[in-house]
Amino acid sequence: MPILVMGMLALIVFGLIGIMLLVAVILEHSAVARAAKTDPSHLVTSGAVPALNPSFDGARGEGAPTENPSAKEKVHEHACTG
């Protein structure tokens, strides 16, 4: 019998934690939507993913010369990619 009571208490505690997490997520999403409605400078784009490495040099054509990375950059790139 004590095992069943402990199990029920654990189930109640995890259920309450789940409900609190659900309420937190709902409130967070409503706060973002409310901020987007009131603040026109706060842009919320649906499905847009920012570029990880933006290029400020402009587009390169096929005939444009490619840059030769230094040895230090090659080592850093190798270390970052695995």
Protein backbone atom coordinates (compact mmCIF):
# COMPACT_ATOMS: atom_id res chain seq x y z
CA MET A 1 0.00 0.00 0.00
CA PRO A 2 2.72 2.61 0.76
CA ILE A 3 4.25 1.96 -2.70
CA LEU A 4 0.93 2.79 -4.36
CA VAL A 5 0.61 6.01 -2.36
CA MET A 6 4.16 7.07 -3.30
CA GLY A 7 3.41 6.28 -6.93
CA MET A 8 0.24 8.35 -6.85
CA LEU A 9 2.08 11.25 -5.20
CA ALA A 10 4.80 11.09 -7.87
CA LEU A 11 2.15 11.02 -10.60
CA ILE A 12 0.41 14.06 -9.08
CA VAL A 13 3.70 15.97 -8.75
CA PHE A 14 4.76 15.24 -12.35
CA GLY A 15 1.28 16.14 -13.55
CA LEU A 16 1.43 19.49 -11.78
CA ILE A 17 4.86 20.18 -13.25
CA GLY A 18 3.53 19.37 -16.72
CA ILE A 19 0.55 21.67 -16.25
CA MET A 20 2.80 24.50 -15.04
CA LEU A 21 5.08 24.05 -18.07
CA LEU A 22 2.09 24.12 -20.39
CA VAL A 23 0.80 27.33 -18.79
CA ALA A 24 4.28 28.91 -19.05
CA VAL A 25 4.53 28.10 -22.76
CA ILE A 26 1.05 29.47 -23.45
CA LEU A 27 1.80 32.68 -21.55
CA GLU A 28 5.15 33.09 -23.34
CA HIS A 29 3.56 32.77 -26.76
CA SER A 30 0.78 35.19 -25.90
CA ALA A 31 3.34 37.74 -24.64
CA VAL A 32 5.25 37.56 -27.93
CA ALA A 33 2.04 37.94 -29.95
CA ARG A 34 0.94 40.88 -27.79
CA ALA A 35 4.33 42.59 -28.21
CA ALA A 36 4.17 42.13 -31.98
CA LYS A 37 0.74 43.77 -32.11
CA THR A 38 1.67 46.79 -30.02
CA ASP A 39 5.26 47.42 -31.20
CA PRO A 40 5.56 47.81 -34.99
CA SER A 41 9.37 47.78 -34.82
CA HIS A 42 9.27 44.25 -33.36
CA LEU A 43 8.98 42.10 -36.45
CA VAL A 44 7.87 38.51 -36.07
CA THR A 45 8.39 36.54 -39.25
CA SER A 46 6.82 33.16 -39.59
CA GLY A 47 9.18 30.45 -40.76
CA ALA A 48 12.07 32.79 -41.56
CA VAL A 49 15.47 31.50 -40.51
CA PRO A 50 18.33 33.99 -40.16
CA ALA A 51 21.54 33.25 -42.03
CA LEU A 52 24.25 31.75 -39.85
CA ASN A 53 27.09 33.28 -41.85
CA PRO A 54 25.80 36.35 -43.67
CA SER A 55 27.91 37.52 -46.60
CA PHE A 56 28.41 41.26 -46.79
CA ASP A 57 30.65 41.10 -49.87
CA GLY A 58 27.77 40.68 -52.31
CA ALA A 59 27.05 37.89 -54.73
CA ARG A 60 29.96 36.28 -56.53
CA GLY A 61 29.67 35.33 -60.14
CA GLU A 62 31.27 32.31 -61.79
CA GLY A 63 34.18 34.37 -63.05
CA ALA A 64 34.96 36.01 -59.73
CA PRO A 65 38.17 34.89 -58.06
CA THR A 66 37.79 32.85 -54.91
CA GLU A 67 39.62 33.80 -51.74
CA ASN A 68 42.52 31.69 -50.51
CA PRO A 69 42.06 31.10 -46.79
CA SER A 70 45.14 31.30 -44.65
CA ALA A 71 46.56 28.25 -42.87
CA LYS A 72 45.13 29.50 -39.58
CA GLU A 73 41.64 29.74 -41.09
CA LYS A 74 41.96 26.23 -42.54
CA VAL A 75 42.93 24.82 -39.15
CA HIS A 76 40.09 26.69 -37.45
CA GLU A 77 37.56 25.46 -40.02
CA HIS A 78 38.84 21.89 -39.63
CA ALA A 79 38.60 22.13 -35.86
CA CYS A 80 35.04 23.46 -36.02
CA THR A 81 33.74 20.88 -38.50
CA GLY A 82 35.18 17.86 -36.74
